[in-house]
Amino acid sequence: MYWENELETLNRTDLEKLQVKRLKNTIQSAMNSPYYGNLYKQMGLSADSVKSVADLQKLPFTVKQNLRDNFP
């Protein structure tokens, strides 16, 4: 039994397509943040630059100090 049969039984190719789509959506949303919008622009990163799950390596880590320095 699965909670979400369609999602939990996806083949590897379809799963990666879904992951890339969701990653692009997340990056697009983060671009609306002043901090991440500026950071991603400086890095040349956009939702369109993500082509595969391996592109997760392009994303910077967020550390506690980033959040402290950029708190609204």
Protein backbone atom coordinates (compact mmCIF):
# COMPACT_ATOMS: atom_id res chain seq x y z
CA MET A 1 0.00 0.00 0.00
CA TYR A 2 1.07 3.54 -0.73
CA TRP A 3 -0.20 6.89 0.48
CA GLU A 4 0.19 8.38 -2.98
CA ASN A 5 0.40 5.46 -5.36
CA GLU A 6 1.04 7.55 -8.48
CA LEU A 7 3.97 9.43 -6.94
CA GLU A 8 5.50 6.64 -4.90
CA THR A 9 5.65 4.23 -7.81
CA LEU A 10 7.14 6.56 -10.43
CA ASN A 11 9.99 5.15 -12.49
CA ARG A 12 13.40 6.82 -12.06
CA THR A 13 13.11 8.98 -15.19
CA ASP A 14 9.69 10.37 -14.29
CA LEU A 15 10.74 10.88 -10.68
CA GLU A 16 13.76 12.95 -11.73
CA LYS A 17 11.60 15.02 -14.10
CA LEU A 18 9.23 15.75 -11.22
CA GLN A 19 12.13 16.62 -8.91
CA VAL A 20 13.63 19.02 -11.46
CA LYS A 21 10.25 20.66 -12.02
CA ARG A 22 9.77 21.17 -8.28
CA LEU A 23 13.33 22.40 -7.81
CA LYS A 24 12.78 24.99 -10.54
CA ASN A 25 9.58 26.13 -8.81
CA THR A 26 11.42 26.44 -5.51
CA ILE A 27 14.23 28.48 -7.04
CA GLN A 28 11.71 30.72 -8.79
CA SER A 29 9.95 31.34 -5.46
CA ALA A 30 13.26 32.01 -3.70
CA MET A 31 14.10 34.61 -6.35
CA ASN A 32 11.29 36.74 -4.90
CA SER A 33 13.25 37.05 -1.65
CA PRO A 34 15.60 40.05 -1.54
CA TYR A 35 18.44 37.93 -0.14
CA TYR A 36 18.14 34.91 -2.42
CA GLY A 37 17.17 37.02 -5.42
CA ASN A 38 20.42 39.00 -5.11
CA LEU A 39 22.51 35.96 -4.26
CA TYR A 40 21.23 33.92 -7.19
CA LYS A 41 21.69 36.84 -9.60
CA GLN A 42 25.29 37.25 -8.43
CA MET A 43 25.84 33.53 -8.99
CA GLY A 44 24.12 33.57 -12.39
CA LEU A 45 21.61 31.04 -11.11
CA SER A 46 18.01 30.91 -12.27
CA ALA A 47 15.24 28.35 -12.52
CA ASP A 48 16.12 27.92 -16.19
CA SER A 49 19.71 27.00 -15.36
CA VAL A 50 18.54 23.83 -13.58
CA LYS A 51 18.54 20.91 -15.99
CA SER A 52 18.93 17.89 -13.71
CA VAL A 53 18.92 16.79 -10.09
CA ALA A 54 22.73 17.02 -10.19
CA ASP A 55 22.34 20.80 -10.44
CA LEU A 56 21.50 20.84 -6.72
CA GLN A 57 25.26 21.20 -6.28
CA LYS A 58 24.99 24.71 -7.75
CA LEU A 59 22.84 25.90 -4.85
CA PRO A 60 24.62 27.59 -1.96
CA PHE A 61 24.24 26.35 1.59
CA THR A 62 22.35 28.63 3.93
CA VAL A 63 23.97 29.03 7.30
CA LYS A 64 22.62 30.63 10.45
CA GLN A 65 24.64 33.79 9.92
CA ASN A 66 23.01 34.34 6.49
CA LEU A 67 19.63 34.34 8.18
CA ARG A 68 20.79 36.68 10.93
CA ASP A 69 22.36 39.14 8.51
CA ASN A 70 19.36 39.25 6.21
CA PHE A 71 16.44 39.16 8.61
CA PRO A 72 13.75 41.56 7.42
